[in-house]
Amino acid sequence: MSSANESDVERCEYMHVHEEIVDQVNQNMPDEEILYDLAELFKLFGDSTRIKILYVLFESEMCVCDIAQLLGMTQSAISHQLRALKQSKLVKYRREGKTVFYSLADGHVRTILDQGMEHVAE
């Protein structure tokens, strides 16, 4: 006897593939490499420290020292997370003398954060 109650498992009443639907979806499916890159992007949003940093930068351009002070973390920990965010093109930076200021890379990052918050708030 199987561990799952068979009546709880959803199944097609008869085996029939809806070829038109499958073909249409298959034609619109992005390439495997693009889906992999998208999954990697979303992994970055899976860390609360990186989310905090993005929200800080949502409000204002800041240097590592300011972000570390605001979040109560070491500059080293912030730099490590900023490196990952920079590599994924979620943040950008500019140099002013010896100080490096970070900001969100573009409006897409703001949109992703807004959409995520809207979804969580539902």
PDB file of N, CA and C in Angstrom:
ATOM      1  N   MET A   1       0.845  -1.175   0.000  1.00  0.00           N
ATOM      2  CA  MET A   1       0.000   0.000   0.000  1.00  0.00           C
ATOM      3  C   MET A   1       0.893   1.242   0.000  1.00  0.00           C
ATOM      4  N   SER A   2       0.562   2.234  -0.800  1.00  0.00           N
ATOM      5  CA  SER A   2       1.369   3.457  -0.881  1.00  0.00           C
ATOM      6  C   SER A   2       1.108   4.332   0.334  1.00  0.00           C
ATOM      7  N   SER A   3       2.100   5.175   0.644  1.00  0.00           N
ATOM      8  CA  SER A   3       1.984   6.028   1.831  1.00  0.00           C
ATOM      9  C   SER A   3       0.994   7.167   1.631  1.00  0.00           C
ATOM     10  N   ALA A   4       0.820   7.642   0.400  1.00  0.00           N
ATOM     11  CA  ALA A   4      -0.149   8.707   0.136  1.00  0.00           C
ATOM     12  C   ALA A   4      -1.490   8.081  -0.228  1.00  0.00           C
ATOM     13  N   ASN A   5      -2.532   8.647   0.289  1.00  0.00           N
ATOM     14  CA  ASN A   5      -3.868   8.187  -0.045  1.00  0.00           C
ATOM     15  C   ASN A   5      -4.102   8.479  -1.521  1.00  0.00           C
ATOM     16  N   GLU A   6      -4.416   7.456  -2.291  1.00  0.00           N
ATOM     17  CA  GLU A   6      -4.535   7.627  -3.740  1.00  0.00           C
ATOM     18  C   GLU A   6      -5.628   8.607  -4.135  1.00  0.00           C
ATOM     19  N   SER A   7      -6.646   8.766  -3.323  1.00  0.00           N
ATOM     20  CA  SER A   7      -7.704   9.720  -3.651  1.00  0.00           C
ATOM     21  C   SER A   7      -7.226  11.161  -3.484  1.00  0.00           C
ATOM     22  N   ASP A   8      -6.117  11.364  -2.732  1.00  0.00           N
ATOM     23  CA  ASP A   8      -5.563  12.700  -2.536  1.00  0.00           C
ATOM     24  C   ASP A   8      -4.681  13.144  -3.700  1.00  0.00           C
ATOM     25  N   VAL A   9      -4.270  12.202  -4.527  1.00  0.00           N
ATOM     26  CA  VAL A   9      -3.380  12.499  -5.637  1.00  0.00           C
ATOM     27  C   VAL A   9      -4.225  12.849  -6.858  1.00  0.00           C
ATOM     28  N   GLU A  10      -3.944  14.022  -7.436  1.00  0.00           N
ATOM     29  CA  GLU A  10      -4.693  14.465  -8.605  1.00  0.00           C
ATOM     30  C   GLU A  10      -4.132  13.793  -9.845  1.00  0.00           C
ATOM     31  N   ARG A  11      -5.008  13.196 -10.623  1.00  0.00           N
ATOM     32  CA  ARG A  11      -4.574  12.512 -11.841  1.00  0.00           C
ATOM     33  C   ARG A  11      -5.574  12.796 -12.955  1.00  0.00           C
ATOM     34  N   CYS A  12      -5.081  12.682 -14.178  1.00  0.00           N
ATOM     35  CA  CYS A  12      -5.991  12.752 -15.311  1.00  0.00           C
ATOM     36  C   CYS A  12      -6.818  11.469 -15.305  1.00  0.00           C
ATOM     37  N   GLU A  13      -8.083  11.578 -15.651  1.00  0.00           N
ATOM     38  CA  GLU A  13      -8.942  10.391 -15.669  1.00  0.00           C
ATOM     39  C   GLU A  13      -8.493   9.418 -16.744  1.00  0.00           C
ATOM     40  N   TYR A  14      -7.953   9.936 -17.807  1.00  0.00           N
ATOM     41  CA  TYR A  14      -7.430   9.068 -18.856  1.00  0.00           C
ATOM     42  C   TYR A  14      -6.165   9.737 -19.390  1.00  0.00           C
ATOM     43  N   MET A  15      -5.280   8.932 -19.899  1.00  0.00           N
ATOM     44  CA  MET A  15      -4.008   9.452 -20.384  1.00  0.00           C
ATOM     45  C   MET A  15      -4.209  10.081 -21.756  1.00  0.00           C
ATOM     46  N   HIS A  16      -4.162  11.405 -21.772  1.00  0.00           N
ATOM     47  CA  HIS A  16      -4.327  12.128 -23.033  1.00  0.00           C
ATOM     48  C   HIS A  16      -3.509  13.408 -22.951  1.00  0.00           C
ATOM     49  N   VAL A  17      -2.541  13.538 -23.820  1.00  0.00           N
ATOM     50  CA  VAL A  17      -1.718  14.737 -23.868  1.00  0.00           C
ATOM     51  C   VAL A  17      -2.404  15.731 -24.784  1.00  0.00           C
ATOM     52  N   HIS A  18      -2.537  16.950 -24.327  1.00  0.00           N
ATOM     53  CA  HIS A  18      -3.134  18.019 -25.132  1.00  0.00           C
ATOM     54  C   HIS A  18      -2.014  18.641 -25.963  1.00  0.00           C
ATOM     55  N   GLU A  19      -1.786  18.034 -27.120  1.00  0.00           N
ATOM     56  CA  GLU A  19      -0.645  18.374 -27.975  1.00  0.00           C
ATOM     57  C   GLU A  19      -0.540  19.868 -28.282  1.00  0.00           C
ATOM     58  N   GLU A  20      -1.643  20.514 -28.626  1.00  0.00           N
ATOM     59  CA  GLU A  20      -1.608  21.933 -28.992  1.00  0.00           C
ATOM     60  C   GLU A  20      -1.106  22.788 -27.832  1.00  0.00           C
ATOM     61  N   ILE A  21      -1.611  22.501 -26.647  1.00  0.00           N
ATOM     62  CA  ILE A  21      -1.202  23.275 -25.468  1.00  0.00           C
ATOM     63  C   ILE A  21       0.272  23.035 -25.167  1.00  0.00           C
ATOM     64  N   VAL A  22       0.680  21.771 -25.178  1.00  0.00           N
ATOM     65  CA  VAL A  22       2.074  21.421 -24.896  1.00  0.00           C
ATOM     66  C   VAL A  22       3.002  22.065 -25.918  1.00  0.00           C
ATOM     67  N   ASP A  23       2.654  22.001 -27.198  1.00  0.00           N
ATOM     68  CA  ASP A  23       3.485  22.603 -28.245  1.00  0.00           C
ATOM     69  C   ASP A  23       3.580  24.121 -28.096  1.00  0.00           C
ATOM     70  N   GLN A  24       2.459  24.763 -27.802  1.00  0.00           N
ATOM     71  CA  GLN A  24       2.459  26.219 -27.649  1.00  0.00           C
ATOM     72  C   GLN A  24       3.329  26.649 -26.468  1.00  0.00           C
ATOM     73  N   VAL A  25       3.161  25.973 -25.349  1.00  0.00           N
ATOM     74  CA  VAL A  25       3.965  26.314 -24.169  1.00  0.00           C
ATOM     75  C   VAL A  25       5.436  26.040 -24.452  1.00  0.00           C
ATOM     76  N   ASN A  26       5.730  24.939 -25.107  1.00  0.00           N
ATOM     77  CA  ASN A  26       7.109  24.589 -25.428  1.00  0.00           C
ATOM     78  C   ASN A  26       7.755  25.631 -26.331  1.00  0.00           C
ATOM     79  N   GLN A  27       7.003  26.186 -27.280  1.00  0.00           N
ATOM     80  CA  GLN A  27       7.531  27.225 -28.171  1.00  0.00           C
ATOM     81  C   GLN A  27       7.846  28.512 -27.414  1.00  0.00           C
ATOM     82  N   ASN A  28       7.045  28.807 -26.383  1.00  0.00           N
ATOM     83  CA  ASN A  28       7.234  30.042 -25.621  1.00  0.00           C
ATOM     84  C   ASN A  28       8.202  29.901 -24.457  1.00  0.00           C
ATOM     85  N   MET A  29       8.637  28.681 -24.169  1.00  0.00           N
ATOM     86  CA  MET A  29       9.532  28.438 -23.043  1.00  0.00           C
ATOM     87  C   MET A  29      10.915  29.028 -23.346  1.00  0.00           C
ATOM     88  N   PRO A  30      11.446  29.849 -22.428  1.00  0.00           N
ATOM     89  CA  PRO A  30      12.798  30.402 -22.632  1.00  0.00           C
ATOM     90  C   PRO A  30      13.848  29.287 -22.671  1.00  0.00           C
ATOM     91  N   ASP A  31      15.003  29.599 -23.258  1.00  0.00           N
ATOM     92  CA  ASP A  31      16.102  28.640 -23.308  1.00  0.00           C
ATOM     93  C   ASP A  31      16.526  28.259 -21.892  1.00  0.00           C
ATOM     94  N   GLU A  32      17.083  27.077 -21.772  1.00  0.00           N
ATOM     95  CA  GLU A  32      17.527  26.539 -20.477  1.00  0.00           C
ATOM     96  C   GLU A  32      18.521  27.486 -19.791  1.00  0.00           C
ATOM     97  N   GLU A  33      19.419  28.078 -20.555  1.00  0.00           N
ATOM     98  CA  GLU A  33      20.429  28.979 -20.002  1.00  0.00           C
ATOM     99  C   GLU A  33      19.773  30.223 -19.377  1.00  0.00           C
ATOM    100  N   ILE A  34      18.750  30.744 -20.024  1.00  0.00           N
ATOM    101  CA  ILE A  34      18.042  31.915 -19.507  1.00  0.00           C
ATOM    102  C   ILE A  34      17.305  31.554 -18.221  1.00  0.00           C
ATOM    103  N   LEU A  35      16.675  30.386 -18.192  1.00  0.00           N
ATOM    104  CA  LEU A  35      15.980  29.947 -16.979  1.00  0.00           C
ATOM    105  C   LEU A  35      16.968  29.740 -15.831  1.00  0.00           C
ATOM    106  N   TYR A  36      18.151  29.216 -16.146  1.00  0.00           N
ATOM    107  CA  TYR A  36      19.192  29.036 -15.137  1.00  0.00           C
ATOM    108  C   TYR A  36      19.619  30.402 -14.572  1.00  0.00           C
ATOM    109  N   ASP A  37      19.846  31.372 -15.462  1.00  0.00           N
ATOM    110  CA  ASP A  37      20.247  32.718 -15.021  1.00  0.00           C
ATOM    111  C   ASP A  37      19.165  33.356 -14.160  1.00  0.00           C
ATOM    112  N   LEU A  38      17.908  33.149 -14.519  1.00  0.00           N
ATOM    113  CA  LEU A  38      16.797  33.682 -13.735  1.00  0.00           C
ATOM    114  C   LEU A  38      16.766  33.045 -12.344  1.00  0.00           C
ATOM    115  N   ALA A  39      16.967  31.742 -12.284  1.00  0.00           N
ATOM    116  CA  ALA A  39      16.998  31.046 -10.991  1.00  0.00           C
ATOM    117  C   ALA A  39      18.144  31.575 -10.133  1.00  0.00           C
ATOM    118  N   GLU A  40      19.300  31.811 -10.735  1.00  0.00           N
ATOM    119  CA  GLU A  40      20.450  32.357 -10.005  1.00  0.00           C
ATOM    120  C   GLU A  40      20.140  33.757  -9.472  1.00  0.00           C
ATOM    121  N   LEU A  41      19.456  34.567 -10.274  1.00  0.00           N
ATOM    122  CA  LEU A  41      19.068  35.907  -9.841  1.00  0.00           C
ATOM    123  C   LEU A  41      18.171  35.817  -8.608  1.00  0.00           C
ATOM    124  N   PHE A  42      17.175  34.954  -8.668  1.00  0.00           N
ATOM    125  CA  PHE A  42      16.250  34.842  -7.548  1.00  0.00           C
ATOM    126  C   PHE A  42      16.911  34.271  -6.303  1.00  0.00           C
ATOM    127  N   LYS A  43      17.970  33.486  -6.458  1.00  0.00           N
ATOM    128  CA  LYS A  43      18.711  32.989  -5.293  1.00  0.00           C
ATOM    129  C   LYS A  43      19.272  34.159  -4.486  1.00  0.00           C
ATOM    130  N   LEU A  44      19.680  35.216  -5.174  1.00  0.00           N
ATOM    131  CA  LEU A  44      20.229  36.385  -4.480  1.00  0.00           C
ATOM    132  C   LEU A  44      19.192  37.034  -3.570  1.00  0.00           C
ATOM    133  N   PHE A  45      17.938  36.931  -3.933  1.00  0.00           N
ATOM    134  CA  PHE A  45      16.868  37.501  -3.119  1.00  0.00           C
ATOM    135  C   PHE A  45      16.507  36.579  -1.952  1.00  0.00           C
ATOM    136  N   GLY A  46      17.169  35.435  -1.866  1.00  0.00           N
ATOM    137  CA  GLY A  46      16.899  34.470  -0.810  1.00  0.00           C
ATOM    138  C   GLY A  46      17.695  34.709   0.456  1.00  0.00           C
ATOM    139  N   ASP A  47      18.402  35.812   0.535  1.00  0.00           N
ATOM    140  CA  ASP A  47      19.216  36.123   1.710  1.00  0.00           C
ATOM    141  C   ASP A  47      18.728  37.439   2.306  1.00  0.00           C
ATOM    142  N   SER A  48      18.336  37.415   3.578  1.00  0.00           N
ATOM    143  CA  SER A  48      17.752  38.616   4.194  1.00  0.00           C
ATOM    144  C   SER A  48      18.753  39.767   4.297  1.00  0.00           C
ATOM    145  N   THR A  49      20.031  39.471   4.438  1.00  0.00           N
ATOM    146  CA  THR A  49      21.032  40.553   4.480  1.00  0.00           C
ATOM    147  C   THR A  49      21.071  41.292   3.151  1.00  0.00           C
ATOM    148  N   ARG A  50      21.065  40.550   2.055  1.00  0.00           N
ATOM    149  CA  ARG A  50      21.079  41.195   0.739  1.00  0.00           C
ATOM    150  C   ARG A  50      19.794  41.991   0.516  1.00  0.00           C
ATOM    151  N   ILE A  51      18.665  41.462   0.978  1.00  0.00           N
ATOM    152  CA  ILE A  51      17.396  42.196   0.859  1.00  0.00           C
ATOM    153  C   ILE A  51      17.482  43.497   1.650  1.00  0.00           C
ATOM    154  N   LYS A  52      18.041  43.456   2.853  1.00  0.00           N
ATOM    155  CA  LYS A  52      18.195  44.673   3.663  1.00  0.00           C
ATOM    156  C   LYS A  52      19.063  45.692   2.930  1.00  0.00           C
ATOM    157  N   ILE A  53      20.164  45.221   2.363  1.00  0.00           N
ATOM    158  CA  ILE A  53      21.063  46.124   1.628  1.00  0.00           C
ATOM    159  C   ILE A  53      20.323  46.759   0.455  1.00  0.00           C
ATOM    160  N   LEU A  54      19.572  45.960  -0.278  1.00  0.00           N
ATOM    161  CA  LEU A  54      18.816  46.505  -1.411  1.00  0.00           C
ATOM    162  C   LEU A  54      17.807  47.537  -0.941  1.00  0.00           C
ATOM    163  N   TYR A  55      17.158  47.294   0.190  1.00  0.00           N
ATOM    164  CA  TYR A  55      16.198  48.268   0.702  1.00  0.00           C
ATOM    165  C   TYR A  55      16.878  49.540   1.176  1.00  0.00           C
ATOM    166  N   VAL A  56      18.053  49.420   1.749  1.00  0.00           N
ATOM    167  CA  VAL A  56      18.831  50.599   2.135  1.00  0.00           C
ATOM    168  C   VAL A  56      19.132  51.431   0.895  1.00  0.00           C
ATOM    169  N   LEU A  57      19.579  50.743  -0.161  1.00  0.00           N
ATOM    170  CA  LEU A  57      19.929  51.442  -1.398  1.00  0.00           C
ATOM    171  C   LEU A  57      18.696  51.916  -2.157  1.00  0.00           C
ATOM    172  N   PHE A  58      17.554  51.339  -1.855  1.00  0.00           N
ATOM    173  CA  PHE A  58      16.261  51.780  -2.387  1.00  0.00           C
ATOM    174  C   PHE A  58      16.006  53.213  -1.913  1.00  0.00           C
ATOM    175  N   GLU A  59      16.445  53.496  -0.679  1.00  0.00           N
ATOM    176  CA  GLU A  59      16.227  54.801  -0.060  1.00  0.00           C
ATOM    177  C   GLU A  59      17.279  55.834  -0.439  1.00  0.00           C
ATOM    178  N   SER A  60      18.541  55.387  -0.522  1.00  0.00           N
ATOM    179  CA  SER A  60      19.618  56.339  -0.754  1.00  0.00           C
ATOM    180  C   SER A  60      20.886  55.647  -1.223  1.00  0.00           C
ATOM    181  N   GLU A  61      21.657  56.344  -2.019  1.00  0.00           N
ATOM    182  CA  GLU A  61      22.999  55.898  -2.367  1.00  0.00           C
ATOM    183  C   GLU A  61      23.825  55.947  -1.087  1.00  0.00           C
ATOM    184  N   MET A  62      24.649  54.930  -0.833  1.00  0.00           N
ATOM    185  CA  MET A  62      25.426  54.888   0.403  1.00  0.00           C
ATOM    186  C   MET A  62      26.766  54.200   0.191  1.00  0.00           C
ATOM    187  N   CYS A  63      27.699  54.493   1.098  1.00  0.00           N
ATOM    188  CA  CYS A  63      28.992  53.814   1.093  1.00  0.00           C
ATOM    189  C   CYS A  63      28.914  52.613   2.044  1.00  0.00           C
ATOM    190  N   VAL A  64      29.906  51.743   1.971  1.00  0.00           N
ATOM    191  CA  VAL A  64      29.953  50.536   2.798  1.00  0.00           C
ATOM    192  C   VAL A  64      29.885  50.881   4.283  1.00  0.00           C
ATOM    193  N   CYS A  65      30.615  51.913   4.696  1.00  0.00           N
ATOM    194  CA  CYS A  65      30.637  52.315   6.118  1.00  0.00           C
ATOM    195  C   CYS A  65      29.233  52.656   6.618  1.00  0.00           C
ATOM    196  N   ASP A  66      28.504  53.420   5.819  1.00  0.00           N
ATOM    197  CA  ASP A  66      27.147  53.831   6.213  1.00  0.00           C
ATOM    198  C   ASP A  66      26.194  52.639   6.271  1.00  0.00           C
ATOM    199  N   ILE A  67      26.299  51.744   5.282  1.00  0.00           N
ATOM    200  CA  ILE A  67      25.433  50.566   5.262  1.00  0.00           C
ATOM    201  C   ILE A  67      25.735  49.678   6.473  1.00  0.00           C
ATOM    202  N   ALA A  68      27.012  49.481   6.762  1.00  0.00           N
ATOM    203  CA  ALA A  68      27.413  48.661   7.906  1.00  0.00           C
ATOM    204  C   ALA A  68      26.876  49.250   9.203  1.00  0.00           C
ATOM    205  N   GLN A  69      27.002  50.571   9.365  1.00  0.00           N
ATOM    206  CA  GLN A  69      26.498  51.253  10.560  1.00  0.00           C
ATOM    207  C   GLN A  69      24.978  51.076  10.677  1.00  0.00           C
ATOM    208  N   LEU A  70      24.287  51.310   9.600  1.00  0.00           N
ATOM    209  CA  LEU A  70      22.834  51.234   9.588  1.00  0.00           C
ATOM    210  C   LEU A  70      22.321  49.832   9.922  1.00  0.00           C
ATOM    211  N   LEU A  71      22.980  48.799   9.389  1.00  0.00           N
ATOM    212  CA  LEU A  71      22.524  47.428   9.585  1.00  0.00           C
ATOM    213  C   LEU A  71      23.187  46.737  10.776  1.00  0.00           C
ATOM    214  N   GLY A  72      24.114  47.419  11.432  1.00  0.00           N
ATOM    215  CA  GLY A  72      24.791  46.835  12.595  1.00  0.00           C
ATOM    216  C   GLY A  72      25.644  45.632  12.220  1.00  0.00           C
ATOM    217  N   MET A  73      26.340  45.747  11.096  1.00  0.00           N
ATOM    218  CA  MET A  73      27.179  44.655  10.601  1.00  0.00           C
ATOM    219  C   MET A  73      28.585  45.179  10.326  1.00  0.00           C
ATOM    220  N   THR A  74      29.500  44.266  10.090  1.00  0.00           N
ATOM    221  CA  THR A  74      30.864  44.680   9.775  1.00  0.00           C
ATOM    222  C   THR A  74      30.949  45.138   8.326  1.00  0.00           C
ATOM    223  N   GLN A  75      31.923  46.001   8.061  1.00  0.00           N
ATOM    224  CA  GLN A  75      32.147  46.450   6.686  1.00  0.00           C
ATOM    225  C   GLN A  75      32.508  45.276   5.792  1.00  0.00           C
ATOM    226  N   SER A  76      33.237  44.313   6.341  1.00  0.00           N
ATOM    227  CA  SER A  76      33.631  43.128   5.584  1.00  0.00           C
ATOM    228  C   SER A  76      32.405  42.331   5.142  1.00  0.00           C
ATOM    229  N   ALA A  77      31.444  42.142   6.050  1.00  0.00           N
ATOM    230  CA  ALA A  77      30.223  41.393   5.713  1.00  0.00           C
ATOM    231  C   ALA A  77      29.418  42.128   4.646  1.00  0.00           C
ATOM    232  N   ILE A  78      29.333  43.439   4.762  1.00  0.00           N
ATOM    233  CA  ILE A  78      28.592  44.239   3.775  1.00  0.00           C
ATOM    234  C   ILE A  78      29.295  44.178   2.419  1.00  0.00           C
ATOM    235  N   SER A  79      30.610  44.330   2.418  1.00  0.00           N
ATOM    236  CA  SER A  79      31.381  44.275   1.167  1.00  0.00           C
ATOM    237  C   SER A  79      31.185  42.940   0.462  1.00  0.00           C
ATOM    238  N   HIS A  80      31.171  41.860   1.237  1.00  0.00           N
ATOM    239  CA  HIS A  80      30.974  40.523   0.676  1.00  0.00           C
ATOM    240  C   HIS A  80      29.620  40.430  -0.039  1.00  0.00           C
ATOM    241  N   GLN A  81      28.585  40.935   0.601  1.00  0.00           N
ATOM    242  CA  GLN A  81      27.241  40.883   0.003  1.00  0.00           C
ATOM    243  C   GLN A  81      27.131  41.832  -1.194  1.00  0.00           C
ATOM    244  N   LEU A  82      27.739  42.994  -1.086  1.00  0.00           N
ATOM    245  CA  LEU A  82      27.716  43.949  -2.207  1.00  0.00           C
ATOM    246  C   LEU A  82      28.412  43.366  -3.432  1.00  0.00           C
ATOM    247  N   ARG A  83      29.463  42.604  -3.217  1.00  0.00           N
ATOM    248  CA  ARG A  83      30.185  41.977  -4.329  1.00  0.00           C
ATOM    249  C   ARG A  83      29.231  41.060  -5.114  1.00  0.00           C
ATOM    250  N   ALA A  84      28.461  40.246  -4.390  1.00  0.00           N
ATOM    251  CA  ALA A  84      27.500  39.349  -5.050  1.00  0.00           C
ATOM    252  C   ALA A  84      26.420  40.141  -5.781  1.00  0.00           C
ATOM    253  N   LEU A  85      25.939  41.201  -5.150  1.00  0.00           N
ATOM    254  CA  LEU A  85      24.892  42.030  -5.766  1.00  0.00           C
ATOM    255  C   LEU A  85      25.428  42.759  -7.003  1.00  0.00           C
ATOM    256  N   LYS A  86      26.691  43.175  -6.933  1.00  0.00           N
ATOM    257  CA  LYS A  86      27.333  43.849  -8.064  1.00  0.00           C
ATOM    258  C   LYS A  86      27.516  42.884  -9.240  1.00  0.00           C
ATOM    259  N   GLN A  87      27.984  41.676  -8.948  1.00  0.00           N
ATOM    260  CA  GLN A  87      28.215  40.677  -9.996  1.00  0.00           C
ATOM    261  C   GLN A  87      26.912  40.323 -10.716  1.00  0.00           C
ATOM    262  N   SER A  88      25.809  40.401 -10.000  1.00  0.00           N
ATOM    263  CA  SER A  88      24.515  40.087 -10.597  1.00  0.00           C
ATOM    264  C   SER A  88      23.824  41.310 -11.184  1.00  0.00           C
ATOM    265  N   LYS A  89      24.550  42.415 -11.210  1.00  0.00           N
ATOM    266  CA  LYS A  89      24.061  43.669 -11.799  1.00  0.00           C
ATOM    267  C   LYS A  89      22.806  44.205 -11.112  1.00  0.00           C
ATOM    268  N   LEU A  90      22.708  43.956  -9.792  1.00  0.00           N
ATOM    269  CA  LEU A  90      21.598  44.512  -9.014  1.00  0.00           C
ATOM    270  C   LEU A  90      21.980  45.846  -8.388  1.00  0.00           C
ATOM    271  N   VAL A  91      23.277  46.049  -8.165  1.00  0.00           N
ATOM    272  CA  VAL A  91      23.760  47.337  -7.659  1.00  0.00           C
ATOM    273  C   VAL A  91      24.887  47.832  -8.553  1.00  0.00           C
ATOM    274  N   LYS A  92      25.063  49.140  -8.534  1.00  0.00           N
ATOM    275  CA  LYS A  92      26.170  49.765  -9.262  1.00  0.00           C
ATOM    276  C   LYS A  92      26.914  50.639  -8.265  1.00  0.00           C
ATOM    277  N   TYR A  93      28.058  51.143  -8.671  1.00  0.00           N
ATOM    278  CA  TYR A  93      28.839  51.980  -7.772  1.00  0.00           C
ATOM    279  C   TYR A  93      29.492  53.109  -8.541  1.00  0.00           C
ATOM    280  N   ARG A  94      29.856  54.124  -7.757  1.00  0.00           N
ATOM    281  CA  ARG A  94      30.644  55.231  -8.310  1.00  0.00           C
ATOM    282  C   ARG A  94      31.671  55.617  -7.251  1.00  0.00           C
ATOM    283  N   ARG A  95      32.802  56.058  -7.718  1.00  0.00           N
ATOM    284  CA  ARG A  95      33.903  56.422  -6.827  1.00  0.00           C
ATOM    285  C   ARG A  95      33.962  57.939  -6.704  1.00  0.00           C
ATOM    286  N   GLU A  96      34.099  58.386  -5.464  1.00  0.00           N
ATOM    287  CA  GLU A  96      34.284  59.812  -5.186  1.00  0.00           C
ATOM    288  C   GLU A  96      35.503  59.916  -4.268  1.00  0.00           C
ATOM    289  N   GLY A  97      36.652  60.232  -4.866  1.00  0.00           N
ATOM    290  CA  GLY A  97      37.905  60.202  -4.100  1.00  0.00           C
ATOM    291  C   GLY A  97      38.201  58.763  -3.708  1.00  0.00           C
ATOM    292  N   LYS A  98      38.373  58.524  -2.401  1.00  0.00           N
ATOM    293  CA  LYS A  98      38.635  57.169  -1.922  1.00  0.00           C
ATOM    294  C   LYS A  98      37.356  56.437  -1.521  1.00  0.00           C
ATOM    295  N   THR A  99      36.239  57.127  -1.561  1.00  0.00           N
ATOM    296  CA  THR A  99      34.971  56.533  -1.133  1.00  0.00           C
ATOM    297  C   THR A  99      34.200  55.997  -2.322  1.00  0.00           C
ATOM    298  N   VAL A 100      33.625  54.810  -2.133  1.00  0.00           N
ATOM    299  CA  VAL A 100      32.801  54.184  -3.167  1.00  0.00           C
ATOM    300  C   VAL A 100      31.355  54.224  -2.689  1.00  0.00           C
ATOM    301  N   PHE A 101      30.485  54.768  -3.520  1.00  0.00           N
ATOM    302  CA  PHE A 101      29.060  54.850  -3.202  1.00  0.00           C
ATOM    303  C   PHE A 101      28.295  53.834  -4.044  1.00  0.00           C
ATOM    304  N   TYR A 102      27.379  53.144  -3.395  1.00  0.00           N
ATOM    305  CA  TYR A 102      26.580  52.118  -4.053  1.00  0.00           C
ATOM    306  C   TYR A 102      25.142  52.588  -4.197  1.00  0.00           C
ATOM    307  N   SER A 103      24.484  52.116  -5.263  1.00  0.00           N
ATOM    308  CA  SER A 103      23.071  52.408  -5.492  1.00  0.00           C
ATOM    309  C   SER A 103      22.464  51.242  -6.266  1.00  0.00           C
ATOM    310  N   LEU A 104      21.138  51.229  -6.347  1.00  0.00           N
ATOM    311  CA  LEU A 104      20.478  50.196  -7.140  1.00  0.00           C
ATOM    312  C   LEU A 104      20.883  50.370  -8.600  1.00  0.00           C
ATOM    313  N   ALA A 105      21.041  49.280  -9.296  1.00  0.00           N
ATOM    314  CA  ALA A 105      21.531  49.326 -10.677  1.00  0.00           C
ATOM    315  C   ALA A 105      20.558  50.020 -11.617  1.00  0.00           C
ATOM    316  N   ASP A 106      19.253  49.750 -11.426  1.00  0.00           N
ATOM    317  CA  ASP A 106      18.259  50.357 -12.314  1.00  0.00           C
ATOM    318  C   ASP A 106      16.866  50.195 -11.720  1.00  0.00           C
ATOM    319  N   GLY A 107      15.890  50.686 -12.443  1.00  0.00           N
ATOM    320  CA  GLY A 107      14.509  50.625 -11.983  1.00  0.00           C
ATOM    321  C   GLY A 107      13.952  49.219 -11.870  1.00  0.00           C
ATOM    322  N   HIS A 108      14.550  48.263 -12.578  1.00  0.00           N
ATOM    323  CA  HIS A 108      14.076  46.884 -12.500  1.00  0.00           C
ATOM    324  C   HIS A 108      14.218  46.331 -11.082  1.00  0.00           C
ATOM    325  N   VAL A 109      15.303  46.674 -10.406  1.00  0.00           N
ATOM    326  CA  VAL A 109      15.530  46.177  -9.046  1.00  0.00           C
ATOM    327  C   VAL A 109      14.434  46.710  -8.125  1.00  0.00           C
ATOM    328  N   ARG A 110      14.124  47.969  -8.269  1.00  0.00           N
ATOM    329  CA  ARG A 110      13.047  48.584  -7.480  1.00  0.00           C
ATOM    330  C   ARG A 110      11.713  47.880  -7.763  1.00  0.00           C
ATOM    331  N   THR A 111      11.449  47.578  -9.022  1.00  0.00           N
ATOM    332  CA  THR A 111      10.213  46.897  -9.409  1.00  0.00           C
ATOM    333  C   THR A 111      10.143  45.497  -8.797  1.00  0.00           C
ATOM    334  N   ILE A 112      11.243  44.763  -8.843  1.00  0.00           N
ATOM    335  CA  ILE A 112      11.279  43.412  -8.261  1.00  0.00           C
ATOM    336  C   ILE A 112      10.973  43.481  -6.761  1.00  0.00           C
ATOM    337  N   LEU A 113      11.600  44.433  -6.071  1.00  0.00           N
ATOM    338  CA  LEU A 113      11.360  44.590  -4.632  1.00  0.00           C
ATOM    339  C   LEU A 113       9.908  44.996  -4.355  1.00  0.00           C
ATOM    340  N   ASP A 114       9.398  45.937  -5.134  1.00  0.00           N
ATOM    341  CA  ASP A 114       8.002  46.379  -4.969  1.00  0.00           C
ATOM    342  C   ASP A 114       7.032  45.220  -5.183  1.00  0.00           C
ATOM    343  N   GLN A 115       7.255  44.457  -6.249  1.00  0.00           N
ATOM    344  CA  GLN A 115       6.376  43.330  -6.556  1.00  0.00           C
ATOM    345  C   GLN A 115       6.441  42.268  -5.458  1.00  0.00           C
ATOM    346  N   GLY A 116       7.643  42.004  -4.965  1.00  0.00           N
ATOM    347  CA  GLY A 116       7.795  41.040  -3.875  1.00  0.00           C
ATOM    348  C   GLY A 116       7.080  41.468  -2.623  1.00  0.00           C
ATOM    349  N   MET A 117       7.206  42.744  -2.266  1.00  0.00           N
ATOM    350  CA  MET A 117       6.527  43.260  -1.072  1.00  0.00           C
ATOM    351  C   MET A 117       5.015  43.216  -1.241  1.00  0.00           C
ATOM    352  N   GLU A 118       4.551  43.537  -2.427  1.00  0.00           N
ATOM    353  CA  GLU A 118       3.124  43.497  -2.699  1.00  0.00           C
ATOM    354  C   GLU A 118       2.589  42.075  -2.544  1.00  0.00           C
ATOM    355  N   HIS A 119       3.350  41.116  -3.033  1.00  0.00           N
ATOM    356  CA  HIS A 119       2.945  39.714  -2.936  1.00  0.00           C
ATOM    357  C   HIS A 119       2.925  39.251  -1.481  1.00  0.00           C
ATOM    358  N   VAL A 120       3.957  39.604  -0.729  1.00  0.00           N
ATOM    359  CA  VAL A 120       4.050  39.202   0.690  1.00  0.00           C
ATOM    360  C   VAL A 120       2.916  39.833   1.506  1.00  0.00           C
ATOM    361  N   ALA A 121       2.533  41.044   1.147  1.00  0.00           N
ATOM    362  CA  ALA A 121       1.499  41.776   1.896  1.00  0.00           C
ATOM    363  C   ALA A 121       0.083  41.253   1.639  1.00  0.00           C
ATOM    364  N   GLU A 122      -0.098  40.443   0.600  1.00  0.00           N
ATOM    365  CA  GLU A 122      -1.439  39.928   0.269  1.00  0.00           C
ATOM    366  C   GLU A 122      -1.987  39.041   1.365  1.00  0.00           C
TER     367      GLU A 122
END
